[in-house]
Every structure is written in structure tokens, then in C-alpha cells.
C-alpha atoms as a PDB file:
ATOM      1  CA  MET A   1     127.449  23.776 -21.567  1.00  0.00           C
ATOM      2  CA  PHE A   2     125.221  21.735 -19.606  1.00  0.00           C
ATOM      3  CA  GLN A   3     124.963  24.138 -16.444  1.00  0.00           C
ATOM      4  CA  ARG A   4     124.238  27.182 -19.037  1.00  0.00           C
ATOM      5  CA  PHE A   5     120.775  25.003 -19.862  1.00  0.00           C
ATOM      6  CA  GLY A   6     120.731  24.184 -16.294  1.00  0.00           C
ATOM      7  CA  PHE A   7     120.887  20.322 -16.497  1.00  0.00           C
ATOM      8  CA  ALA A   8     123.177  18.571 -14.372  1.00  0.00           C
ATOM      9  CA  SER A   9     125.240  15.837 -15.386  1.00  0.00           C
ATOM     10  CA  SER A  10     125.035  12.070 -13.738  1.00  0.00           C
ATOM     11  CA  ALA A  11     128.078  12.645 -11.955  1.00  0.00           C
ATOM     12  CA  SER A  12     126.256  15.765 -10.033  1.00  0.00           C
ATOM     13  CA  PRO A  13     123.765  14.701  -7.497  1.00  0.00           C
ATOM     14  CA  GLN A  14     123.239  17.952  -6.194  1.00  0.00           C
ATOM     15  CA  PRO A  15     120.970  19.970  -9.264  1.00  0.00           C
ATOM     16  CA  THR A  16     120.759  23.491  -8.505  1.00  0.00           C
ATOM     17  CA  LYS A  17     118.658  25.992  -7.571  1.00  0.00           C
ATOM     18  CA  GLU A  18     117.713  27.397 -10.539  1.00  0.00           C
ATOM     19  CA  GLY A  19     117.087  23.897 -12.845  1.00  0.00           C
ATOM     20  CA  ASN A  20     114.303  22.706 -10.251  1.00  0.00           C
ATOM     21  CA  GLN A  21     112.519  25.797 -10.642  1.00  0.00           C
ATOM     22  CA  SER A  22     112.600  25.031 -14.797  1.00  0.00           C
ATOM     23  CA  VAL A  23     111.290  21.574 -14.247  1.00  0.00           C
ATOM     24  CA  ASP A  24     108.842  22.503 -12.201  1.00  0.00           C
ATOM     25  CA  HIS A  25     107.891  24.812 -14.667  1.00  0.00           C
ATOM     26  CA  ASP A  26     107.960  22.292 -17.557  1.00  0.00           C
ATOM     27  CA  ASN A  27     105.826  19.492 -15.339  1.00  0.00           C
ATOM     28  CA  ALA A  28     102.821  22.830 -14.555  1.00  0.00           C
ATOM     29  CA  SER A  29     103.105  23.769 -18.021  1.00  0.00           C
ATOM     30  CA  GLN A  30     102.727  19.958 -19.284  1.00  0.00           C
ATOM     31  CA  ASN A  31      99.508  19.168 -16.537  1.00  0.00           C
ATOM     32  CA  THR A  32      97.995  22.309 -17.999  1.00  0.00           C
ATOM     33  CA  SER A  33      98.201  21.351 -21.406  1.00  0.00           C
ATOM     34  CA  GLU A  34      96.914  17.904 -20.430  1.00  0.00           C
ATOM     35  CA  ILE A  35      93.741  19.260 -18.665  1.00  0.00           C
ATOM     36  CA  GLY A  36      92.872  21.864 -21.722  1.00  0.00           C
ATOM     37  CA  ALA A  37      93.181  18.529 -24.216  1.00  0.00           C
ATOM     38  CA  ASN A  38      90.681  16.657 -21.810  1.00  0.00           C
ATOM     39  CA  THR A  39      88.375  19.762 -21.590  1.00  0.00           C
ATOM     40  CA  ALA A  40      88.294  20.179 -24.970  1.00  0.00           C
ATOM     41  CA  SER A  41      87.971  16.148 -26.092  1.00  0.00           C
ATOM     42  CA  THR A  42      85.085  15.753 -22.845  1.00  0.00           C
ATOM     43  CA  GLU A  43      83.078  18.917 -24.496  1.00  0.00           C
ATOM     44  CA  ALA A  44      83.566  17.179 -28.418  1.00  0.00           C
ATOM     45  CA  THR A  45      82.156  14.460 -27.161  1.00  0.00           C
ATOM     46  CA  ASN A  46      79.236  15.681 -25.328  1.00  0.00           C
ATOM     47  CA  ASP A  47      78.438  17.983 -28.856  1.00  0.00           C
ATOM     48  CA  SER A  48      78.397  15.194 -30.620  1.00  0.00           C
ATOM     49  CA  THR A  49      76.102  13.359 -28.229  1.00  0.00           C
ATOM     50  CA  ALA A  50      73.529  16.414 -28.526  1.00  0.00           C
ATOM     51  CA  GLN A  51      73.500  16.807 -31.868  1.00  0.00           C
ATOM     52  CA  GLU A  52      72.808  13.054 -32.537  1.00  0.00           C
ATOM     53  CA  PRO A  53      69.407  11.605 -31.963  1.00  0.00           C
ATOM     54  CA  THR A  54      68.970   8.472 -30.084  1.00  0.00           C
ATOM     55  CA  GLN A  55      66.586   5.857 -31.646  1.00  0.00           C
ATOM     56  CA  ASP A  56      65.877   4.621 -27.504  1.00  0.00           C
ATOM     57  CA  ALA A  57      64.730   8.052 -26.282  1.00  0.00           C
ATOM     58  CA  GLY A  58      61.234   6.797 -26.235  1.00  0.00           C
ATOM     59  CA  PRO A  59      61.160   3.427 -24.650  1.00  0.00           C
ATOM     60  CA  ILE A  60      64.098   4.615 -22.271  1.00  0.00           C
ATOM     61  CA  SER A  61      61.438   8.105 -21.288  1.00  0.00           C
ATOM     62  CA  GLU A  62      58.380   5.317 -21.183  1.00  0.00           C
ATOM     63  CA  ASN A  63      60.227   2.922 -18.619  1.00  0.00           C
ATOM     64  CA  ASN A  64      61.127   6.408 -16.563  1.00  0.00           C
ATOM     65  CA  ASP A  65      57.171   7.380 -16.538  1.00  0.00           C
ATOM     66  CA  SER A  66      56.041   4.244 -15.806  1.00  0.00           C
ATOM     67  CA  LYS A  67      58.953   3.432 -12.849  1.00  0.00           C
ATOM     68  CA  THR A  68      57.740   6.704 -11.604  1.00  0.00           C
ATOM     69  CA  LYS A  69      54.051   5.769 -11.669  1.00  0.00           C
ATOM     70  CA  SER A  70      54.892   2.849  -9.716  1.00  0.00           C
ATOM     71  CA  ASN A  71      56.653   4.314  -7.477  1.00  0.00           C
ATOM     72  CA  LYS A  72      53.108   6.954  -6.743  1.00  0.00           C
ATOM     73  CA  LYS A  73      51.366   4.243  -6.390  1.00  0.00           C
ATOM     74  CA  ARG A  74      53.332   2.351  -4.406  1.00  0.00           C
ATOM     75  CA  ARG A  75      53.641   5.330  -2.404  1.00  0.00           C
ATOM     76  CA  LYS A  76      49.778   6.162  -2.110  1.00  0.00           C
ATOM     77  CA  SER A  77      49.473   2.458  -0.774  1.00  0.00           C
ATOM     78  CA  ILE A  78      52.095   2.790   1.832  1.00  0.00           C
ATOM     79  CA  LYS A  79      50.416   6.137   3.137  1.00  0.00           C
ATOM     80  CA  ARG A  80      46.755   4.601   2.511  1.00  0.00           C
ATOM     81  CA  THR A  81      48.182   0.950   4.984  1.00  0.00           C
ATOM     82  CA  ALA A  82      49.671   3.674   7.599  1.00  0.00           C
ATOM     83  CA  PHE A  83      46.813   5.389   7.628  1.00  0.00           C
ATOM     84  CA  SER A  84      44.086   2.326   8.439  1.00  0.00           C
ATOM     85  CA  ASP A  85      46.740   1.214  10.584  1.00  0.00           C
ATOM     86  CA  SER A  86      46.417   4.237  12.716  1.00  0.00           C
ATOM     87  CA  ASP A  87      43.125   4.470  12.408  1.00  0.00           C
ATOM     88  CA  ALA A  88      41.718   0.758  13.432  1.00  0.00           C
ATOM     89  CA  GLU A  89      40.136  -0.302  16.476  1.00  0.00           C
ATOM     90  CA  PRO A  90      41.226  -1.593  18.949  1.00  0.00           C
ATOM     91  CA  GLU A  91      40.568  -5.129  19.235  1.00  0.00           C
ATOM     92  CA  LEU A  92      37.223  -5.306  21.716  1.00  0.00           C
ATOM     93  CA  SER A  93      36.741  -7.466  24.638  1.00  0.00           C
ATOM     94  CA  TYR A  94      34.373 -10.696  25.110  1.00  0.00           C
ATOM     95  CA  ASP A  95      31.432  -9.084  26.773  1.00  0.00           C
ATOM     96  CA  ASP A  96      31.946  -5.783  24.405  1.00  0.00           C
ATOM     97  CA  LEU A  97      31.472  -7.778  21.445  1.00  0.00           C
ATOM     98  CA  VAL A  98      28.241  -9.619  23.425  1.00  0.00           C
ATOM     99  CA  LYS A  99      26.953  -6.227  24.276  1.00  0.00           C
ATOM    100  CA  LEU A 100      27.278  -5.219  20.331  1.00  0.00           C
ATOM    101  CA  VAL A 101      25.680  -8.189  19.626  1.00  0.00           C
ATOM    102  CA  ALA A 102      22.642  -7.463  21.795  1.00  0.00           C
ATOM    103  CA  GLU A 103      22.727  -4.170  20.582  1.00  0.00           C
ATOM    104  CA  LYS A 104      22.236  -5.480  16.984  1.00  0.00           C
ATOM    105  CA  GLU A 105      19.821  -8.067  17.516  1.00  0.00           C
ATOM    106  CA  GLU A 106      17.650  -4.869  18.881  1.00  0.00           C
ATOM    107  CA  LEU A 107      18.021  -2.845  16.452  1.00  0.00           C
ATOM    108  CA  LEU A 108      17.475  -5.189  14.203  1.00  0.00           C
ATOM    109  CA  MET A 109      14.178  -6.957  15.911  1.00  0.00           C
ATOM    110  CA  LEU A 110      12.953  -2.690  15.766  1.00  0.00           C
ATOM    111  CA  LYS A 111      13.202  -2.643  12.356  1.00  0.00           C
ATOM    112  CA  GLN A 112      11.388  -5.398  11.214  1.00  0.00           C
ATOM    113  CA  LYS A 113       9.049  -4.251  13.356  1.00  0.00           C
ATOM    114  CA  GLU A 114       9.359  -0.989  10.728  1.00  0.00           C
ATOM    115  CA  ILE A 115       9.037  -3.865   8.266  1.00  0.00           C
ATOM    116  CA  GLU A 116       5.587  -5.304   9.975  1.00  0.00           C
ATOM    117  CA  LYS A 117       4.013  -2.745  10.406  1.00  0.00           C
ATOM    118  CA  MET A 118       5.190  -1.142   6.531  1.00  0.00           C
ATOM    119  CA  GLN A 119       3.488  -4.094   5.045  1.00  0.00           C
ATOM    120  CA  ASP A 120       0.520  -4.144   7.208  1.00  0.00           C
ATOM    121  CA  LYS A 121      -0.277  -0.739   5.970  1.00  0.00           C
ATOM    122  CA  VAL A 122       0.166  -1.340   2.519  1.00  0.00           C
ATOM    123  CA  LEU A 123      -2.192  -4.576   3.178  1.00  0.00           C
ATOM    124  CA  ARG A 124      -5.055  -2.405   4.697  1.00  0.00           C
ATOM    125  CA  SER A 125      -4.245   0.366   1.694  1.00  0.00           C
ATOM    126  CA  TYR A 126      -4.451  -2.198  -1.008  1.00  0.00           C
ATOM    127  CA  ALA A 127      -7.604  -3.527   0.286  1.00  0.00           C
ATOM    128  CA  GLU A 128      -9.421   0.126   1.355  1.00  0.00           C
ATOM    129  CA  MET A 129      -8.408   0.829  -2.537  1.00  0.00           C
ATOM    130  CA  GLU A 130      -9.995  -2.829  -4.024  1.00  0.00           C
ATOM    131  CA  ASN A 131     -12.928  -1.712  -1.648  1.00  0.00           C
ATOM    132  CA  VAL A 132     -13.116   1.834  -3.330  1.00  0.00           C
ATOM    133  CA  ILE A 133     -12.952  -0.373  -6.391  1.00  0.00           C
ATOM    134  CA  ASP A 134     -15.950  -2.415  -6.168  1.00  0.00           C
ATOM    135  CA  ARG A 135     -17.628   0.146  -4.218  1.00  0.00           C
ATOM    136  CA  THR A 136     -17.578   2.689  -7.149  1.00  0.00           C
ATOM    137  CA  LYS A 137     -18.225  -0.238  -9.979  1.00  0.00           C
ATOM    138  CA  ARG A 138     -21.150  -0.521  -7.275  1.00  0.00           C
ATOM    139  CA  GLU A 139     -22.537   2.870  -8.259  1.00  0.00           C
ATOM    140  CA  ALA A 140     -21.645   3.107 -11.883  1.00  0.00           C
ATOM    141  CA  GLU A 141     -23.327  -0.100 -12.371  1.00  0.00           C
ATOM    142  CA  ASN A 142     -26.983   1.026 -10.047  1.00  0.00           C
ATOM    143  CA  SER A 143     -26.650   4.368 -12.222  1.00  0.00           C
ATOM    144  CA  LYS A 144     -26.698   3.137 -15.261  1.00  0.00           C
ATOM    145  CA  LYS A 145     -29.433   0.401 -14.556  1.00  0.00           C
ATOM    146  CA  PHE A 146     -31.698   2.908 -11.971  1.00  0.00           C
ATOM    147  CA  ALA A 147     -31.146   6.195 -14.691  1.00  0.00           C
ATOM    148  CA  ILE A 148     -35.152   5.848 -15.624  1.00  0.00           C
ATOM    149  CA  GLN A 149     -35.980   5.115 -12.129  1.00  0.00           C
ATOM    150  CA  ASN A 150     -37.642   8.832 -11.555  1.00  0.00           C
ATOM    151  CA  PHE A 151     -39.140   9.116 -15.527  1.00  0.00           C
ATOM    152  CA  ALA A 152     -40.230   5.406 -14.658  1.00  0.00           C
ATOM    153  CA  LYS A 153     -42.494   6.635 -12.027  1.00  0.00           C
ATOM    154  CA  SER A 154     -43.926   9.216 -13.339  1.00  0.00           C
ATOM    155  CA  LEU A 155     -45.346   7.438 -16.097  1.00  0.00           C
ATOM    156  CA  LEU A 156     -47.088   4.394 -13.482  1.00  0.00           C
ATOM    157  CA  ASP A 157     -49.881   6.491 -12.933  1.00  0.00           C
ATOM    158  CA  VAL A 158     -50.505   6.453 -17.046  1.00  0.00           C
ATOM    159  CA  ALA A 159     -49.995   3.354 -16.752  1.00  0.00           C
ATOM    160  CA  ASP A 160     -52.955   2.387 -14.280  1.00  0.00           C
ATOM    161  CA  ASN A 161     -55.459   5.161 -16.371  1.00  0.00           C
ATOM    162  CA  LEU A 162     -54.799   3.018 -19.054  1.00  0.00           C
ATOM    163  CA  GLY A 163     -55.791   0.211 -16.875  1.00  0.00           C
ATOM    164  CA  ARG A 164     -58.357   1.499 -15.958  1.00  0.00           C
ATOM    165  CA  ALA A 165     -59.939   2.653 -18.777  1.00  0.00           C
ATOM    166  CA  SER A 166     -59.924  -0.901 -20.714  1.00  0.00           C
ATOM    167  CA  SER A 167     -61.309  -2.223 -18.010  1.00  0.00           C
ATOM    168  CA  VAL A 168     -64.238   0.103 -18.087  1.00  0.00           C
ATOM    169  CA  VAL A 169     -64.938  -0.468 -21.718  1.00  0.00           C
ATOM    170  CA  LYS A 170     -64.929  -4.391 -21.311  1.00  0.00           C
ATOM    171  CA  GLU A 171     -67.782  -3.822 -18.848  1.00  0.00           C
ATOM    172  CA  SER A 172     -69.408  -2.018 -20.602  1.00  0.00           C
ATOM    173  CA  PHE A 173     -69.110  -3.227 -23.589  1.00  0.00           C
ATOM    174  CA  SER A 174     -70.424  -6.675 -22.521  1.00  0.00           C
ATOM    175  CA  LYS A 175     -73.781  -4.742 -21.391  1.00  0.00           C
ATOM    176  CA  ILE A 176     -74.978  -2.937 -24.825  1.00  0.00           C
ATOM    177  CA  ASP A 177     -77.782  -4.704 -26.801  1.00  0.00           C
ATOM    178  CA  THR A 178     -76.261  -5.011 -29.714  1.00  0.00           C
ATOM    179  CA  SER A 179     -80.046  -5.629 -31.846  1.00  0.00           C
ATOM    180  CA  LYS A 180     -80.399  -1.615 -30.239  1.00  0.00           C
ATOM    181  CA  ASP A 181     -77.176  -0.102 -31.578  1.00  0.00           C
ATOM    182  CA  SER A 182     -78.635   2.032 -34.391  1.00  0.00           C
ATOM    183  CA  ALA A 183     -76.437   4.604 -34.358  1.00  0.00           C
ATOM    184  CA  GLY A 184     -73.054   2.238 -34.832  1.00  0.00           C
ATOM    185  CA  ALA A 185     -71.628   2.727 -31.751  1.00  0.00           C
ATOM    186  CA  ILE A 186     -70.314  -0.757 -31.314  1.00  0.00           C
ATOM    187  CA  PRO A 187     -67.973  -0.852 -33.732  1.00  0.00           C
ATOM    188  CA  LEU A 188     -66.656   2.088 -32.184  1.00  0.00           C
ATOM    189  CA  LEU A 189     -66.194   1.195 -29.074  1.00  0.00           C
ATOM    190  CA  LYS A 190     -64.250  -2.399 -30.281  1.00  0.00           C
ATOM    191  CA  THR A 191     -61.934  -0.020 -31.986  1.00  0.00           C
ATOM    192  CA  LEU A 192     -61.342   2.059 -28.900  1.00  0.00           C
ATOM    193  CA  LEU A 193     -61.046  -0.771 -26.739  1.00  0.00           C
ATOM    194  CA  GLU A 194     -58.227  -2.648 -28.821  1.00  0.00           C
ATOM    195  CA  GLY A 195     -56.001   1.004 -28.980  1.00  0.00           C
ATOM    196  CA  VAL A 196     -56.393   1.096 -25.031  1.00  0.00           C
ATOM    197  CA  GLU A 197     -55.168  -2.617 -25.054  1.00  0.00           C
ATOM    198  CA  MET A 198     -52.356  -1.863 -28.107  1.00  0.00           C
ATOM    199  CA  THR A 199     -50.982   1.193 -25.267  1.00  0.00           C
ATOM    200  CA  GLU A 200     -51.089  -0.688 -22.167  1.00  0.00           C
ATOM    201  CA  LYS A 201     -49.441  -3.491 -23.891  1.00  0.00           C
ATOM    202  CA  GLN A 202     -46.926  -1.342 -25.494  1.00  0.00           C
ATOM    203  CA  LEU A 203     -46.474   0.798 -22.589  1.00  0.00           C
ATOM    204  CA  SER A 204     -45.354  -2.730 -20.780  1.00  0.00           C
ATOM    205  CA  GLU A 205     -42.802  -3.778 -23.097  1.00  0.00           C
ATOM    206  CA  VAL A 206     -41.079  -0.264 -22.716  1.00  0.00           C
ATOM    207  CA  PHE A 207     -41.665  -0.869 -18.567  1.00  0.00           C
ATOM    208  CA  ARG A 208     -40.068  -4.318 -19.129  1.00  0.00           C
ATOM    209  CA  LYS A 209     -36.833  -3.204 -21.686  1.00  0.00           C
ATOM    210  CA  PHE A 210     -35.871  -0.685 -19.003  1.00  0.00           C
ATOM    211  CA  GLY A 211     -35.946  -3.177 -16.391  1.00  0.00           C
ATOM    212  CA  VAL A 212     -39.808  -2.215 -15.258  1.00  0.00           C
ATOM    213  CA  GLU A 213     -42.135  -5.475 -13.799  1.00  0.00           C
ATOM    214  CA  LYS A 214     -45.365  -5.501 -13.304  1.00  0.00           C
ATOM    215  CA  TYR A 215     -46.738  -7.536 -10.021  1.00  0.00           C
ATOM    216  CA  ASP A 216     -49.967  -8.374  -8.250  1.00  0.00           C
ATOM    217  CA  PRO A 217     -49.849  -9.819  -5.155  1.00  0.00           C
ATOM    218  CA  ILE A 218     -53.549 -10.948  -4.578  1.00  0.00           C
ATOM    219  CA  ASN A 219     -53.546 -13.906  -1.890  1.00  0.00           C
ATOM    220  CA  GLU A 220     -50.073 -13.402  -1.211  1.00  0.00           C
ATOM    221  CA  GLN A 221     -48.529 -13.037   2.300  1.00  0.00           C
ATOM    222  CA  PHE A 222     -48.195  -9.465   2.581  1.00  0.00           C
ATOM    223  CA  ASP A 223     -44.843  -8.003   2.877  1.00  0.00           C
ATOM    224  CA  PRO A 224     -44.266  -3.991   4.437  1.00  0.00           C
ATOM    225  CA  ASN A 225     -40.987  -4.115   1.682  1.00  0.00           C
ATOM    226  CA  ARG A 226     -43.705  -5.050  -0.754  1.00  0.00           C
ATOM    227  CA  HIS A 227     -46.864  -4.038   0.021  1.00  0.00           C
ATOM    228  CA  LEU A 228     -49.059  -1.093   1.737  1.00  0.00           C
ATOM    229  CA  ALA A 229     -51.811  -1.627   3.207  1.00  0.00           C
ATOM    230  CA  VAL A 230     -54.315   0.593   3.048  1.00  0.00           C
ATOM    231  CA  PHE A 231     -57.150  -0.936   4.555  1.00  0.00           C
ATOM    232  CA  GLN A 232     -58.119  -4.591   6.602  1.00  0.00           C
ATOM    233  CA  VAL A 233     -60.755  -6.721   5.421  1.00  0.00           C
ATOM    234  CA  PRO A 234     -62.355  -9.033   8.532  1.00  0.00           C
ATOM    235  CA  ASP A 235     -61.690 -12.743   6.747  1.00  0.00           C
ATOM    236  CA  ALA A 236     -61.979 -15.506   8.386  1.00  0.00           C
ATOM    237  CA  SER A 237     -61.383 -17.689   5.261  1.00  0.00           C
ATOM    238  CA  LYS A 238     -57.661 -17.046   4.860  1.00  0.00           C
ATOM    239  CA  PRO A 239     -54.987 -16.508   7.069  1.00  0.00           C
ATOM    240  CA  SER A 240     -54.439 -13.313   9.118  1.00  0.00           C
ATOM    241  CA  GLY A 241     -52.242 -10.778   6.913  1.00  0.00           C
ATOM    242  CA  THR A 242     -53.387 -11.983   3.487  1.00  0.00           C
ATOM    243  CA  VAL A 243     -53.600  -9.662   0.556  1.00  0.00           C
ATOM    244  CA  ALA A 244     -57.561 -10.287  -0.422  1.00  0.00           C
ATOM    245  CA  ALA A 245     -57.619  -6.807  -2.123  1.00  0.00           C
ATOM    246  CA  VAL A 246     -55.239  -4.824  -4.732  1.00  0.00           C
ATOM    247  CA  LEU A 247     -55.740  -1.385  -5.270  1.00  0.00           C
ATOM    248  CA  LYS A 248     -52.911  -0.064  -7.349  1.00  0.00           C
ATOM    249  CA  ALA A 249     -50.340  -3.068  -8.500  1.00  0.00           C
ATOM    250  CA  GLY A 250     -46.748  -2.776  -7.659  1.00  0.00           C
ATOM    251  CA  TYR A 251     -43.894  -2.064  -9.405  1.00  0.00           C
ATOM    252  CA  MET A 252     -40.351  -3.457  -9.400  1.00  0.00           C
ATOM    253  CA  ILE A 253     -36.914  -2.042 -11.684  1.00  0.00           C
ATOM    254  CA  TYR A 254     -34.867  -4.777 -11.566  1.00  0.00           C
ATOM    255  CA  ASP A 255     -34.614  -5.482  -8.144  1.00  0.00           C
ATOM    256  CA  ARG A 256     -35.516  -2.539  -6.020  1.00  0.00           C
ATOM    257  CA  VAL A 257     -39.340  -1.518  -5.178  1.00  0.00           C
ATOM    258  CA  LEU A 258     -40.233   1.396  -7.846  1.00  0.00           C
ATOM    259  CA  ARG A 259     -43.785   1.449  -6.424  1.00  0.00           C
ATOM    260  CA  PRO A 260     -45.347  -0.866  -3.600  1.00  0.00           C
ATOM    261  CA  ALA A 261     -48.413  -1.974  -4.374  1.00  0.00           C
ATOM    262  CA  GLU A 262     -51.668  -1.079  -2.424  1.00  0.00           C
ATOM    263  CA  VAL A 263     -53.872  -3.774  -0.826  1.00  0.00           C
ATOM    264  CA  GLY A 264     -56.642  -4.262   1.678  1.00  0.00           C
ATOM    265  CA  VAL A 265     -55.025  -6.802   3.759  1.00  0.00           C
ATOM    266  CA  THR A 266     -57.550 -10.301   6.089  1.00  0.00           C
ATOM    267  CA  ARG A 267     -57.529  -9.997   9.758  1.00  0.00           C
ATOM    268  CA  ALA A 268     -58.547 -12.418  12.173  1.00  0.00           C
ATOM    269  CA  LEU A 269     -62.719 -12.042  13.735  1.00  0.00           C
ATOM    270  CA  ASP A 270     -62.699 -10.837  17.729  1.00  0.00           C
ATOM    271  CA  ASN A 271     -64.321 -12.821  19.901  1.00  0.00           C
ATOM    272  CA  GLU A 272     -67.431  -9.926  20.445  1.00  0.00           C
ATOM    273  CA  THR A 273     -67.782  -9.320  17.101  1.00  0.00           C
ATOM    274  CA  ASP A 274     -68.596 -13.182  16.677  1.00  0.00           C
ATOM    275  CA  GLN A 275     -70.666 -13.310  19.327  1.00  0.00           C
ATOM    276  CA  SER A 276     -72.543 -10.248  18.203  1.00  0.00           C
ATOM    277  CA  SER A 277     -73.030 -11.745  14.656  1.00  0.00           C
ATOM    278  CA  SER A 278     -74.320 -15.433  16.199  1.00  0.00           C
ATOM    279  CA  ALA A 279     -76.541 -13.286  18.208  1.00  0.00           C
END
């Protein structure tokens, strides 16, 4: 019976060929079943793991991202360090350093000179600007002050005629005999004289308002800037070059001569003239 199923007794140390083959077949089938069971359990575990959501997935992914970034930064720093080490200049000798310092000092001196030139240009430009501003102000003031110069100069002849008229009327009025005035001309002359004098006075006030002043240089020393010599008068009683007569009075507009005075100037007597006169 044992021999039928391929089992050997303990007394038979040598198994048969068919019994060995059946035993190997049983072992192989057992191993196959164990491998299949292990595979099935592993797939079930993976499926359960994939189906169940993990609560720690977020922090793990964040940690992984931070680690990745730190690794990238570390790689970049390593690359930069390697690049800087590769591009580092070789060490210079003492003579090279001295030459380099001398070149830098020379360059610094050139820059300093350029800065000084620019400062000088700026100062000159500023001074020129100040001069232009002052000159413009003076020109504006002079234009305002002397705007009526030509107009006032045209009225000087009118003032001269009024002065002559008043002086003539005064002389004529003094020569008239009031007892023989049967026609009543004296009151008319008097009224005319007052009108002329008032007109002359009013014109002088208008001139004064706009900076025009009249001057009479009698007995003054001759000044070619303010006087116009028309003739000479031999006069030993006065120093030579003294204004002895005034034909036309002069006028000033502020500090400028509007019209020089036409005058007669004294001169010294000659010896020949003295001898002829004494003879």
C-alpha cells in the first residue's frame, strides 16, 4: 500500500524514482501557491494605500520642495564659487602694485584738474550771468528814466521862448508911463505878463516832475561836459575860463546832460593888447 502511493518506509533508506518526482512536484506547487498569496497581499496593500488619503501628504511635499530649493541654491553657490575661483586674478608683485597705485594717482590728478576746470567754468558762467542781470536792470531803469528825453528836449525851445517873452514884457512894462495910458493897455500887459509867467512856472514844474532840471552856470568854471562855449570875453577881473555870459540855460535829466548851456567865457588879456590900449 505504501509502495502504491510512492512513500517509503523508515526501513527503506533509498526512495524510489517515482516517489522523488512526486515530492518535488508537491514542493513546487507549494512554493507557487505561497508566491501567489504574497503577491495578492502586496497588491491589496497598495490598493488600500492608494485609496486611503494621507493627512501628512502636504507637509511631506512642502519639505520635499524646500529641500529641492535648498539643493538648487547650494548648486548655484557652488557654481558661482567655482566661477569666481576660476576668474580670480593672480596675485600681483610689489612692483606691479606700485605701478598700479601710481597709475591710479595720476588718473585721480587728471580727474581733479577736470573738476577744477569745471568749477572755474561754472564760476565764470555765474559771474557773467550776474553781470548780464545787472546790466539788464540798469538798461531797464535807464529806459524808464530817459524815455522822455527826446520829447523833453523838443520842449526846451518852448521854455526858452516863454522865458524871453516874460523878460521882454517886464522890460516894456517898466518903461510905460501909467499917466499917459488912456487906452488901458497897462492892465492888459500886466495880465499877459502874469499868464506867461504862470505858463513858464507850470512848464518848469512838469519838467521837474520827470527829472528835468534847469541850471544857470553864470560865474562858474567852464566845463566842456556841461557848457558850450560860443564866444570869448576878454576880462581881466575874472580868471580865464570863467562863464561870463549865458545865452541859453542848460538842462539836466537826472544825472545826464539834456542840453549844454550856451555861454561866453572869459580869457586873459594879451601883452600887445595891453600896450595898445595904454598907448
